[in-house]
Amino acid sequence: MWLLPPSIEDLVPAGHVAHFVRDTVRNGLDLSAIMAVYDEDRGYPPYHPGMMTALLLYGYSQGIYSSRRIAKACEERLDFAALTGLQRPDFRTIAEFRKRHLAALSGLFVQVLGLCRAAGLVKLGHVALDGTKIRANASKHKAMSYGRMPAAEAKLAAEVDGWLRQAAQADRTEDRAHGAGRRGDEMPDWVADKARRLEKIRQAKAALEAEARQAGAAAGDEREGGGPPEPGKPDPQATTVAPADKAQRNFTDPDSRIMKTKDGFIQGYNGQAAVDAQAQIIVACDLTNSGSDQAQLVPLIDAVEAAAGARPGEASADAGYCSEANIAGLLARGIAAYIATGRQKHGSAAAVDQRKRRPGSLVAAMAIKLKRAGRRSRYRLRKQVVEPVFGQIKHARGFRQFLLRGLDNVRHEWRLVCLAHNLCKLAAAAP
């Protein structure tokens, strides 16, 4: 038994990360976007929003993302007790706080990046870019291709109509047997489930058809002069109005997509990150539901300038980002580009993708540039800068699947994960 109350500061050692995160949130971050929501004393939250913010950021930095696991850690772990001051918020409170302030929490990424710059951890001399596929909070088995939807829709519609006729006949029989005033007119659960699935299929089918119409309209707008297609060539607008039979839609998280990884296909998203070579600080991040990285390079470079306030001197990326437009975009911004032009076998120079290589093209010039430098090429920094960051996020801190659903929510969640990574780097560099 304790005759005097313990000091919260003594629950964990003085240099512990829990103290660092709590003090950083308290003194180093502007939480006005979160605090502004609580504008009156009546109904004021029982847990201080600053403490809840520190709790979430510390949980993410320790590889604990579920609100239930965070609530359990508040009850069982001394480091969480030191952070919360022995308070134990319920998992529903934690989940609701994250949901309510998700955009504001992800907005703290820029503030933490500013602290990293002030600590000398960001130089913007060389920035490496890459993407990683992460599972969505949805199963790939809960998706259906457009080619299967008409048959499934007709089959389910016939089943539901048949069951509704059976239910109506049963109602009439019961009315004759028990009287019209008796209950029994409710739709059975087994009918409602089929009806809901039929509605989901119809919604997914309509969404795929709308996407195909938008793609066809965009193709028509890109045609020079908006006139008819060239003789002998199909009209892209006419051929893309109907979705391809293999186009899929997931019923659990419609924004997620089937993506290929080295371990097979997953239902997921593509997380993007630009990492500074000085201390592996993530200086920009984004997330898309496209499996291709090619369209992400220039927007990510612009995001670096927006977040860090300056452009990097050099940028490296793998062959997934290689294109004439991307190389030209970096050159126009005064950034030295080191982009692989093809896959590289172990111990050898990257092989040029002959489909992209044209005499006099920027891709061909990039291939010559990397080949001449050999092992001295600045491209070698890419693997040792950005890939370890994904290893730390996915292996060391165990983030392999998103908790939230929907592109906007998952994008904010990815920024929170990247923020936690930078916070860990900042804590490790603190005196």
Protein backbone atom coordinates (compact mmCIF):
# COMPACT_ATOMS: atom_id res chain seq x y z
CA MET A 1 0.00 0.00 0.00
CA TRP A 2 1.09 3.57 -0.74
CA LEU A 3 0.77 6.14 2.01
CA LEU A 4 1.37 8.93 -0.51
CA PRO A 5 0.18 9.14 -4.13
CA PRO A 6 2.84 8.14 -6.68
CA SER A 7 4.36 10.63 -9.09
CA ILE A 8 3.16 10.06 -12.64
CA GLU A 9 6.62 11.07 -13.85
CA ASP A 10 8.13 8.08 -12.00
CA LEU A 11 6.01 5.40 -13.63
CA VAL A 12 8.50 5.18 -16.52
CA PRO A 13 12.13 6.39 -16.80
CA ALA A 14 12.78 10.08 -17.42
CA GLY A 15 13.86 9.63 -21.04
CA HIS A 16 10.93 7.43 -22.05
CA VAL A 17 9.05 8.07 -25.31
CA ALA A 18 5.78 8.45 -23.39
CA HIS A 19 7.10 11.60 -21.70
CA PHE A 20 8.40 12.89 -25.02
CA VAL A 21 5.07 12.43 -26.82
CA ARG A 22 3.08 13.98 -23.97
CA ASP A 23 5.38 17.02 -23.74
CA THR A 24 5.50 17.43 -27.53
CA VAL A 25 1.71 17.45 -27.80
CA ARG A 26 1.40 19.78 -24.81
CA ASN A 27 4.08 22.30 -25.75
CA GLY A 28 5.03 21.76 -29.39
CA LEU A 29 1.76 21.33 -31.31
CA ASP A 30 -1.09 23.71 -32.03
CA LEU A 31 -4.31 21.87 -31.18
CA SER A 32 -6.63 24.79 -31.86
CA ALA A 33 -8.40 22.90 -34.68
CA ILE A 34 -9.35 20.23 -32.15
CA MET A 35 -9.98 22.47 -29.15
CA ALA A 36 -12.22 24.83 -31.15
CA VAL A 37 -14.89 22.12 -31.32
CA TYR A 38 -15.39 22.33 -27.54
CA ASP A 39 -16.69 25.90 -27.34
CA GLU A 40 -18.67 25.77 -24.08
CA ASP A 41 -18.26 24.37 -20.58
CA ARG A 42 -21.60 22.53 -20.63
CA GLY A 43 -21.00 19.01 -21.87
CA TYR A 44 -17.24 19.54 -21.82
CA PRO A 45 -15.38 16.28 -22.53
CA PRO A 46 -14.41 14.27 -19.39
CA TYR A 47 -11.02 13.58 -20.97
CA HIS A 48 -8.90 16.51 -22.11
CA PRO A 49 -8.57 16.61 -25.92
CA GLY A 50 -4.82 17.15 -25.54
CA MET A 51 -4.49 13.95 -23.54
CA MET A 52 -6.61 12.05 -26.08
CA THR A 53 -4.44 13.37 -28.94
CA ALA A 54 -1.26 12.30 -27.14
CA LEU A 55 -2.81 8.90 -26.43
CA LEU A 56 -3.62 8.27 -30.09
CA LEU A 57 -0.22 9.44 -31.34
CA TYR A 58 1.60 7.38 -28.73
CA GLY A 59 -0.49 4.32 -29.57
CA TYR A 60 0.37 4.66 -33.25
CA SER A 61 4.06 5.13 -32.42
CA GLN A 62 3.97 1.86 -30.45
CA GLY A 63 2.21 -0.11 -33.19
CA ILE A 64 -1.16 -0.14 -31.39
CA TYR A 65 -3.93 1.13 -33.68
CA SER A 66 -7.17 -0.48 -32.50
CA SER A 67 -9.22 1.58 -30.05
CA ARG A 68 -9.88 -1.58 -28.00
CA ARG A 69 -6.17 -2.37 -27.74
CA ILE A 70 -5.38 1.24 -26.80
CA ALA A 71 -8.05 1.17 -24.07
CA LYS A 72 -6.65 -2.13 -22.79
CA ALA A 73 -3.13 -0.69 -22.74
CA CYS A 74 -4.39 2.21 -20.59
CA GLU A 75 -5.41 -0.39 -18.00
CA GLU A 76 -2.37 -2.68 -18.17
CA ARG A 77 0.73 -0.73 -19.26
CA LEU A 78 2.68 1.76 -17.16
CA ASP A 79 3.85 3.77 -20.16
CA PHE A 80 0.22 4.45 -21.18
CA ALA A 81 -0.66 5.23 -17.55
CA ALA A 82 2.18 7.77 -17.43
CA LEU A 83 0.85 9.36 -20.61
CA THR A 84 -2.78 9.56 -19.49
CA GLY A 85 -2.20 10.30 -15.81
CA LEU A 86 -3.83 6.98 -14.80
CA GLN A 87 -7.00 7.86 -16.74
CA ARG A 88 -8.72 5.02 -18.58
CA PRO A 89 -10.90 6.19 -21.46
CA ASP A 90 -13.30 3.62 -22.89
CA PHE A 91 -12.58 2.22 -26.36
CA ARG A 92 -15.78 3.83 -27.67
CA THR A 93 -14.54 7.21 -26.45
CA ILE A 94 -11.19 6.69 -28.19
CA ALA A 95 -12.83 5.55 -31.44
CA GLU A 96 -15.29 8.45 -31.43
CA PHE A 97 -12.52 10.99 -30.74
CA ARG A 98 -10.48 9.66 -33.68
CA LYS A 99 -13.51 9.66 -35.96
CA ARG A 100 -14.57 13.17 -34.94
CA HIS A 101 -11.12 14.77 -35.31
CA LEU A 102 -9.60 12.57 -38.03
CA ALA A 103 -8.85 15.42 -40.43
CA ALA A 104 -7.41 17.64 -37.68
CA LEU A 105 -5.25 14.80 -36.36
CA SER A 106 -3.81 14.08 -39.80
CA GLY A 107 -3.20 17.82 -40.20
CA LEU A 108 -0.66 17.60 -37.36
CA PHE A 109 1.69 15.90 -39.86
CA VAL A 110 2.94 19.29 -41.11
CA GLN A 111 3.54 20.53 -37.54
CA VAL A 112 5.57 17.45 -36.59
CA LEU A 113 7.53 17.82 -39.84
CA GLY A 114 8.30 21.40 -38.82
CA LEU A 115 9.67 20.16 -35.49
CA CYS A 116 11.85 17.67 -37.37
CA ARG A 117 13.21 20.46 -39.56
CA ALA A 118 13.92 22.61 -36.50
CA ALA A 119 15.81 19.67 -34.97
CA GLY A 120 18.02 19.41 -38.09
CA LEU A 121 16.58 16.05 -39.21
CA VAL A 122 15.46 17.31 -42.64
CA LYS A 123 17.93 18.73 -45.19
CA LEU A 124 16.04 18.14 -48.48
CA GLY A 125 19.31 17.30 -50.20
CA HIS A 126 18.04 13.97 -51.49
CA VAL A 127 14.46 12.69 -51.31
CA ALA A 128 13.48 9.13 -52.25
CA LEU A 129 9.93 8.27 -53.31
CA ASP A 130 8.13 4.95 -53.27
CA GLY A 131 4.73 3.37 -52.76
CA THR A 132 3.56 0.39 -50.76
CA LYS A 133 0.36 -1.63 -51.02
CA ILE A 134 -1.58 -1.98 -47.76
CA ARG A 135 -4.69 -4.09 -47.18
CA ALA A 136 -8.02 -2.32 -46.91
CA ASN A 137 -10.55 -3.08 -44.22
CA ALA A 138 -12.34 -5.30 -46.73
CA SER A 139 -11.99 -8.80 -48.15
CA LYS A 140 -11.22 -9.33 -51.82
CA HIS A 141 -13.81 -12.13 -51.70
CA LYS A 142 -16.51 -9.51 -51.05
CA ALA A 143 -16.07 -8.06 -54.53
CA MET A 144 -17.83 -8.90 -57.78
CA SER A 145 -16.83 -8.27 -61.38
CA TYR A 146 -19.11 -6.35 -63.74
CA GLY A 147 -19.40 -9.42 -65.96
CA ARG A 148 -20.97 -11.44 -63.13
CA MET A 149 -23.31 -8.70 -61.93
CA PRO A 150 -26.14 -9.10 -64.52
CA ALA A 151 -26.45 -12.84 -63.90
CA ALA A 152 -26.25 -12.44 -60.11
CA GLU A 153 -28.74 -9.57 -60.22
CA ALA A 154 -31.26 -11.61 -62.23
CA LYS A 155 -30.83 -14.67 -60.02
CA LEU A 156 -31.22 -12.73 -56.76
CA ALA A 157 -34.18 -10.75 -58.13
CA ALA A 158 -35.95 -13.98 -59.07
CA GLU A 159 -35.23 -15.49 -55.62
CA VAL A 160 -36.44 -12.40 -53.78
CA ASP A 161 -39.61 -12.17 -55.90
CA GLY A 162 -40.33 -15.84 -55.27
CA TRP A 163 -39.82 -15.46 -51.54
CA LEU A 164 -42.01 -12.36 -51.43
CA ARG A 165 -44.78 -14.29 -53.19
CA GLN A 166 -44.37 -17.12 -50.66
CA ALA A 167 -44.47 -14.61 -47.79
CA ALA A 168 -47.63 -12.99 -49.21
CA GLN A 169 -49.26 -16.40 -49.61
CA ALA A 170 -48.29 -17.30 -46.04
CA ASP A 171 -49.80 -14.02 -44.81
CA ARG A 172 -53.08 -14.76 -46.55
CA THR A 173 -53.13 -18.27 -45.09
CA GLU A 174 -52.45 -16.96 -41.57
CA ASP A 175 -55.09 -14.26 -41.97
CA ARG A 176 -57.67 -16.92 -42.79
CA ALA A 177 -56.50 -19.10 -39.91
CA HIS A 178 -55.89 -16.48 -37.19
CA GLY A 179 -57.68 -13.34 -38.32
CA ALA A 180 -56.54 -10.24 -40.19
CA GLY A 181 -55.61 -8.42 -36.96
CA ARG A 182 -52.78 -10.81 -36.11
CA ARG A 183 -49.15 -9.84 -36.86
CA GLY A 184 -47.10 -11.82 -39.36
CA ASP A 185 -46.67 -9.37 -42.18
CA GLU A 186 -42.98 -8.58 -41.44
CA MET A 187 -40.44 -9.48 -44.08
CA PRO A 188 -38.36 -12.45 -42.85
CA ASP A 189 -34.66 -11.80 -42.21
CA TRP A 190 -33.62 -14.30 -44.88
CA VAL A 191 -35.59 -12.29 -47.43
CA ALA A 192 -34.23 -8.95 -46.23
CA ASP A 193 -30.61 -10.14 -46.46
CA LYS A 194 -31.04 -11.21 -50.08
CA ALA A 195 -32.83 -7.97 -50.87
CA ARG A 196 -30.00 -5.92 -49.35
CA ARG A 197 -27.41 -7.86 -51.35
CA LEU A 198 -29.45 -7.30 -54.51
CA GLU A 199 -29.49 -3.56 -53.77
CA LYS A 200 -25.70 -3.55 -53.23
CA ILE A 201 -25.17 -5.30 -56.57
CA ARG A 202 -27.37 -2.77 -58.34
CA GLN A 203 -25.54 0.13 -56.68
CA ALA A 204 -22.12 -1.32 -57.57
CA LYS A 205 -23.23 -1.93 -61.17
CA ALA A 206 -24.48 1.64 -61.48
CA ALA A 207 -21.22 3.00 -60.01
CA LEU A 208 -19.08 1.04 -62.49
CA GLU A 209 -21.22 2.23 -65.38
CA ALA A 210 -20.90 5.85 -64.17
CA GLU A 211 -17.11 5.50 -63.97
CA ALA A 212 -17.04 4.10 -67.50
CA ARG A 213 -19.13 7.01 -68.81
CA GLN A 214 -16.77 9.51 -67.13
CA ALA A 215 -13.75 7.78 -68.65
CA GLY A 216 -15.41 7.86 -72.08
CA ALA A 217 -16.22 11.55 -71.73
CA ALA A 218 -12.63 12.31 -70.68
CA ALA A 219 -11.31 10.42 -73.69
CA GLY A 220 -13.60 12.42 -75.95
CA ASP A 221 -12.42 15.70 -74.42
CA GLU A 222 -8.78 14.78 -75.04
CA ARG A 223 -9.41 14.17 -78.75
CA GLU A 224 -8.01 17.12 -80.66
CA GLY A 225 -10.71 19.53 -81.76
CA GLY A 226 -13.41 17.28 -80.37
CA GLY A 227 -14.09 15.95 -83.86
CA PRO A 228 -14.68 12.39 -85.03
CA PRO A 229 -12.00 9.72 -84.49
CA GLU A 230 -9.34 9.08 -87.11
CA PRO A 231 -10.36 6.74 -89.95
CA GLY A 232 -9.71 3.12 -89.11
CA LYS A 233 -9.42 3.78 -85.35
CA PRO A 234 -12.15 3.04 -82.79
CA ASP A 235 -13.81 5.85 -80.93
CA PRO A 236 -12.47 5.64 -77.35
CA GLN A 237 -15.57 7.34 -76.01
CA ALA A 238 -17.83 4.77 -77.62
CA THR A 239 -15.76 1.79 -76.53
CA THR A 240 -15.47 2.77 -72.86
CA VAL A 241 -19.11 3.58 -72.09
CA ALA A 242 -19.73 0.01 -70.92
CA PRO A 243 -17.42 -1.20 -68.13
CA ALA A 244 -15.08 -4.10 -68.84
CA ASP A 245 -16.36 -7.45 -67.64
CA LYS A 246 -13.34 -7.76 -65.30
CA ALA A 247 -13.97 -4.36 -63.63
CA GLN A 248 -14.66 -5.07 -59.97
CA ARG A 249 -16.47 -3.33 -57.13
CA ASN A 250 -16.04 -4.24 -53.46
CA PHE A 251 -19.22 -4.28 -51.38
CA THR A 252 -17.45 -3.64 -48.04
CA ASP A 253 -15.18 -0.75 -49.09
CA PRO A 254 -16.11 0.37 -52.63
CA ASP A 255 -13.13 2.77 -52.81
CA SER A 256 -10.55 -0.01 -52.36
CA ARG A 257 -9.15 -1.90 -55.33
CA ILE A 258 -7.59 -5.26 -56.14
CA MET A 259 -3.81 -4.69 -56.22
CA LYS A 260 -0.90 -6.92 -57.10
CA THR A 261 1.90 -7.38 -54.57
CA LYS A 262 4.90 -9.69 -54.43
CA ASP A 263 2.83 -11.99 -52.19
CA GLY A 264 -0.21 -12.09 -54.46
CA PHE A 265 -3.31 -9.98 -54.90
CA ILE A 266 -4.88 -7.99 -52.07
CA GLN A 267 -7.88 -5.71 -51.63
CA GLY A 268 -6.15 -2.52 -50.65
CA TYR A 269 -4.75 0.95 -51.22
CA ASN A 270 -1.45 2.38 -52.45
CA GLY A 271 0.34 4.41 -49.77
CA GLN A 272 2.87 6.94 -51.11
CA ALA A 273 5.76 8.51 -49.21
CA ALA A 274 8.66 10.87 -49.94
CA VAL A 275 11.51 10.33 -47.47
CA ASP A 276 14.42 12.67 -46.75
CA ALA A 277 17.85 11.01 -46.79
CA GLN A 278 19.18 12.85 -43.73
CA ALA A 279 17.31 10.88 -41.06
CA GLN A 280 14.55 8.98 -42.92
CA ILE A 281 11.92 11.60 -42.14
CA ILE A 282 8.76 11.39 -44.27
CA VAL A 283 8.47 14.84 -45.81
CA ALA A 284 5.31 14.16 -47.82
CA CYS A 285 2.73 11.39 -48.02
CA ASP A 286 -0.40 10.57 -49.93
CA LEU A 287 -2.63 7.61 -50.68
CA THR A 288 -4.51 6.48 -53.78
CA ASN A 289 -6.63 3.54 -54.89
CA SER A 290 -4.61 3.15 -58.09
CA GLY A 291 -2.13 0.31 -58.29
CA SER A 292 0.19 2.36 -60.51
CA ASP A 293 2.75 4.77 -59.03
CA GLN A 294 3.42 6.71 -62.23
CA ALA A 295 0.90 9.50 -61.72
CA GLN A 296 2.02 10.17 -58.13
CA LEU A 297 5.58 11.47 -58.56
CA VAL A 298 5.03 15.13 -59.46
CA PRO A 299 2.12 15.65 -56.99
CA LEU A 300 4.27 14.12 -54.24
CA ILE A 301 7.20 16.41 -55.07
CA ASP A 302 4.84 19.41 -54.97
CA ALA A 303 3.54 18.14 -51.61
CA VAL A 304 7.12 18.16 -50.29
CA GLU A 305 7.43 21.84 -51.14
CA ALA A 306 4.03 22.62 -49.62
CA ALA A 307 4.78 20.78 -46.37
CA ALA A 308 8.49 21.53 -45.91
CA GLY A 309 8.60 24.95 -47.54
CA ALA A 310 11.35 24.10 -50.06
CA ARG A 311 12.07 21.81 -52.98
CA PRO A 312 14.53 18.93 -52.66
CA GLY A 313 17.80 19.13 -54.57
CA GLU A 314 17.60 15.52 -55.77
CA ALA A 315 14.86 12.93 -56.11
CA SER A 316 15.10 9.21 -56.75
CA ALA A 317 12.37 6.71 -57.58
CA ASP A 318 12.04 3.20 -58.96
CA ALA A 319 10.88 2.16 -62.43
CA GLY A 320 7.22 2.43 -61.47
CA TYR A 321 7.53 6.23 -61.67
CA CYS A 322 9.43 6.31 -64.98
CA SER A 323 7.83 8.40 -67.72
CA GLU A 324 8.70 11.30 -69.98
CA ALA A 325 6.25 13.56 -68.13
CA ASN A 326 7.71 12.75 -64.70
CA ILE A 327 11.32 13.36 -65.75
CA ALA A 328 10.32 16.59 -67.49
CA GLY A 329 8.37 17.68 -64.40
CA LEU A 330 11.41 17.27 -62.14
CA LEU A 331 13.67 19.07 -64.60
CA ALA A 332 11.20 21.96 -64.84
CA ARG A 333 11.34 22.29 -61.04
CA GLY A 334 15.14 22.32 -61.00
CA ILE A 335 15.41 18.94 -59.28
CA ALA A 336 18.11 16.44 -60.24
CA ALA A 337 16.23 13.26 -61.17
CA TYR A 338 17.39 9.67 -60.65
CA ILE A 339 14.58 7.41 -61.86
CA ALA A 340 15.12 3.80 -62.84
CA THR A 341 14.12 3.06 -66.42
CA GLY A 342 13.56 -0.65 -65.89
CA ARG A 343 13.78 -3.43 -63.35
CA GLN A 344 17.21 -4.01 -61.87
CA LYS A 345 18.59 -7.50 -61.33
CA HIS A 346 20.70 -8.08 -58.24
CA GLY A 347 24.26 -6.89 -58.79
CA SER A 348 23.65 -5.39 -62.23
CA ALA A 349 22.53 -2.13 -63.78
CA ALA A 350 18.83 -1.57 -64.45
CA ALA A 351 17.61 -2.93 -67.76
CA VAL A 352 15.88 -0.31 -69.87
CA ASP A 353 12.25 -0.92 -70.76
CA GLN A 354 12.47 -0.92 -74.55
CA ARG A 355 8.85 0.17 -74.86
CA LYS A 356 9.73 3.49 -73.19
CA ARG A 357 13.13 3.99 -74.78
CA ARG A 358 13.16 6.16 -77.88
CA PRO A 359 16.29 7.80 -79.32
CA GLY A 360 16.58 11.31 -77.93
CA SER A 361 13.89 10.80 -75.28
CA LEU A 362 14.30 11.81 -71.64
CA VAL A 363 13.93 8.17 -70.60
CA ALA A 364 16.79 7.14 -72.86
CA ALA A 365 18.95 9.97 -71.49
CA MET A 366 18.11 8.85 -67.94
CA ALA A 367 19.16 5.28 -68.76
CA ILE A 368 22.52 6.53 -70.04
CA LYS A 369 22.94 8.76 -66.98
CA LEU A 370 22.39 5.90 -64.52
CA LYS A 371 24.52 3.45 -66.51
CA ARG A 372 27.50 5.81 -66.71
CA ALA A 373 27.47 6.47 -62.97
CA GLY A 374 27.24 2.75 -62.17
CA ARG A 375 27.53 1.99 -58.48
CA ARG A 376 28.40 5.64 -57.78
CA SER A 377 24.98 6.78 -58.98
CA ARG A 378 22.89 8.74 -56.51
CA TYR A 379 20.08 6.32 -57.35
CA ARG A 380 21.65 3.85 -54.93
CA LEU A 381 20.34 6.00 -52.06
CA ARG A 382 16.74 5.07 -52.85
CA LYS A 383 16.80 1.59 -51.38
CA GLN A 384 18.52 2.65 -48.17
CA VAL A 385 16.28 5.69 -47.64
CA VAL A 386 12.66 4.89 -48.42
CA GLU A 387 12.40 1.10 -48.25
CA PRO A 388 13.56 0.85 -44.58
CA VAL A 389 10.81 3.31 -43.68
CA PHE A 390 8.13 0.98 -45.03
CA GLY A 391 9.84 -1.86 -43.16
CA GLN A 392 9.65 0.08 -39.91
CA ILE A 393 5.98 0.92 -40.47
CA LYS A 394 4.80 -2.51 -41.62
CA HIS A 395 7.13 -4.83 -39.69
CA ALA A 396 8.42 -3.02 -36.59
CA ARG A 397 5.12 -1.26 -35.85
CA GLY A 398 2.90 -3.89 -37.47
CA PHE A 399 0.74 -1.65 -39.66
CA ARG A 400 -0.45 -3.99 -42.43
CA GLN A 401 -4.16 -3.18 -42.70
CA PHE A 402 -6.23 -0.02 -42.45
CA LEU A 403 -8.91 0.22 -39.80
CA LEU A 404 -11.08 2.78 -41.57
CA ARG A 405 -12.98 2.58 -44.86
CA GLY A 406 -13.39 5.02 -47.69
CA LEU A 407 -10.65 6.83 -49.60
CA ASP A 408 -10.78 10.07 -47.60
CA ASN A 409 -10.74 8.33 -44.21
CA VAL A 410 -7.95 5.96 -45.23
CA ARG A 411 -5.89 8.88 -46.58
CA HIS A 412 -6.11 10.59 -43.17
CA GLU A 413 -5.23 7.32 -41.44
CA TRP A 414 -2.11 6.96 -43.62
CA ARG A 415 -1.02 10.49 -42.66
CA LEU A 416 -1.43 9.54 -39.00
CA VAL A 417 0.82 6.50 -39.53
CA CYS A 418 3.46 8.65 -41.25
CA LEU A 419 3.16 11.26 -38.49
CA ALA A 420 3.82 8.58 -35.87
CA HIS A 421 6.91 7.46 -37.79
CA ASN A 422 8.31 11.00 -37.78
CA LEU A 423 7.48 11.33 -34.08
CA CYS A 424 9.52 8.19 -33.33
CA LYS A 425 12.47 9.60 -35.31
CA LEU A 426 12.18 12.90 -33.47
CA ALA A 427 12.09 11.14 -30.10
CA ALA A 428 15.17 9.07 -30.96
CA ALA A 429 17.10 12.25 -31.87
CA ALA A 430 16.04 14.16 -28.75
CA PRO A 431 18.83 14.78 -26.21
